[in-house]
Amino acid sequence: MSEKTDKDLLTAFATVLRRERQRAGLSQEELAHRAGKSMRYISLLESCRHQPSLSTLRGLCDGLGIRMSDFVLAIEEELTG
């Protein structure tokens, strides 16, 4: 596997987050409410301007109704593409 940069990881995270949010039929505002975050924060995550903590990742996954392990696997698949 080729070496990936932090930017690659952040881009993959943002792509998966946006895709899963849209798949769930949620707006940024609704996901933010479900995850206990602001809409601005969700926007920052989806535009690769912020990295989430593990507790934020858990809240996002809860809000999306998916397991953290599935979310992380989707990021890995996005990276190896």
Protein backbone atom coordinates (compact mmCIF):
# COMPACT_ATOMS: atom_id res chain seq x y z
CA MET A 1 0.00 0.00 0.00
CA SER A 2 1.34 3.43 -0.86
CA GLU A 3 1.93 5.92 1.90
CA LYS A 4 -0.96 8.27 2.49
CA THR A 5 -0.64 11.73 3.94
CA ASP A 6 -2.75 13.30 6.66
CA LYS A 7 -4.40 15.34 3.90
CA ASP A 8 -5.38 12.14 2.09
CA LEU A 9 -6.89 10.78 5.28
CA LEU A 10 -8.80 13.98 5.97
CA THR A 11 -10.10 14.06 2.40
CA ALA A 12 -11.26 10.45 2.64
CA PHE A 13 -12.97 11.19 5.97
CA ALA A 14 -14.77 14.22 4.51
CA THR A 15 -15.87 12.25 1.46
CA VAL A 16 -17.27 9.41 3.55
CA LEU A 17 -18.98 11.78 5.98
CA ARG A 18 -20.72 13.67 3.18
CA ARG A 19 -21.69 10.46 1.38
CA GLU A 20 -23.09 8.83 4.54
CA ARG A 21 -24.97 12.00 5.51
CA GLN A 22 -26.54 12.22 2.09
CA ARG A 23 -27.31 8.50 2.07
CA ALA A 24 -29.12 8.98 5.39
CA GLY A 25 -31.09 11.84 3.85
CA LEU A 26 -29.82 14.34 6.41
CA SER A 27 -28.91 17.97 6.02
CA GLN A 28 -25.77 19.26 7.73
CA GLU A 29 -28.07 20.94 10.22
CA GLU A 30 -29.92 17.73 11.09
CA LEU A 31 -26.71 15.74 11.46
CA ALA A 32 -25.27 18.48 13.65
CA HIS A 33 -28.33 18.34 15.89
CA ARG A 34 -28.15 14.54 16.15
CA ALA A 35 -24.41 14.59 16.85
CA GLY A 36 -24.54 17.47 19.33
CA LYS A 37 -22.41 19.72 17.16
CA SER A 38 -22.95 22.94 15.23
CA MET A 39 -23.82 23.02 11.55
CA ARG A 40 -20.67 25.09 11.01
CA TYR A 41 -18.59 22.29 12.56
CA ILE A 42 -20.14 19.71 10.21
CA SER A 43 -19.35 22.03 7.31
CA LEU A 44 -15.73 22.32 8.48
CA LEU A 45 -15.45 18.54 8.66
CA GLU A 46 -16.91 18.05 5.19
CA SER A 47 -14.59 20.68 3.70
CA CYS A 48 -11.43 19.13 5.20
CA ARG A 49 -10.81 22.06 7.54
CA HIS A 50 -11.10 20.19 10.82
CA GLN A 51 -10.29 16.76 12.23
CA PRO A 52 -12.76 15.11 14.59
CA SER A 53 -11.93 13.61 17.95
CA LEU A 54 -12.90 10.02 18.64
CA SER A 55 -15.86 11.18 20.72
CA THR A 56 -17.00 13.37 17.81
CA LEU A 57 -16.63 10.41 15.46
CA ARG A 58 -18.84 8.37 17.79
CA GLY A 59 -21.46 11.14 17.83
CA LEU A 60 -21.41 11.44 14.06
CA CYS A 61 -21.84 7.70 13.63
CA ASP A 62 -24.67 7.64 16.16
CA GLY A 63 -26.32 10.51 14.29
CA LEU A 64 -25.91 8.67 11.00
CA GLY A 65 -27.12 5.40 12.47
CA ILE A 66 -23.99 3.47 11.51
CA ARG A 67 -21.27 1.66 13.43
CA MET A 68 -17.93 3.39 13.89
CA SER A 69 -16.17 0.32 12.50
CA ASP A 70 -18.21 0.55 9.28
CA PHE A 71 -17.40 4.25 8.98
CA VAL A 72 -13.68 3.64 9.46
CA LEU A 73 -13.76 0.76 6.97
CA ALA A 74 -15.39 3.10 4.42
CA ILE A 75 -12.56 5.61 4.98
CA GLU A 76 -9.98 2.87 4.44
CA GLU A 77 -11.74 1.81 1.23
CA GLU A 78 -11.83 5.42 0.06
CA LEU A 79 -8.09 5.71 0.68
CA THR A 80 -7.22 2.54 -1.20
CA GLY A 81 -9.79 3.23 -3.81
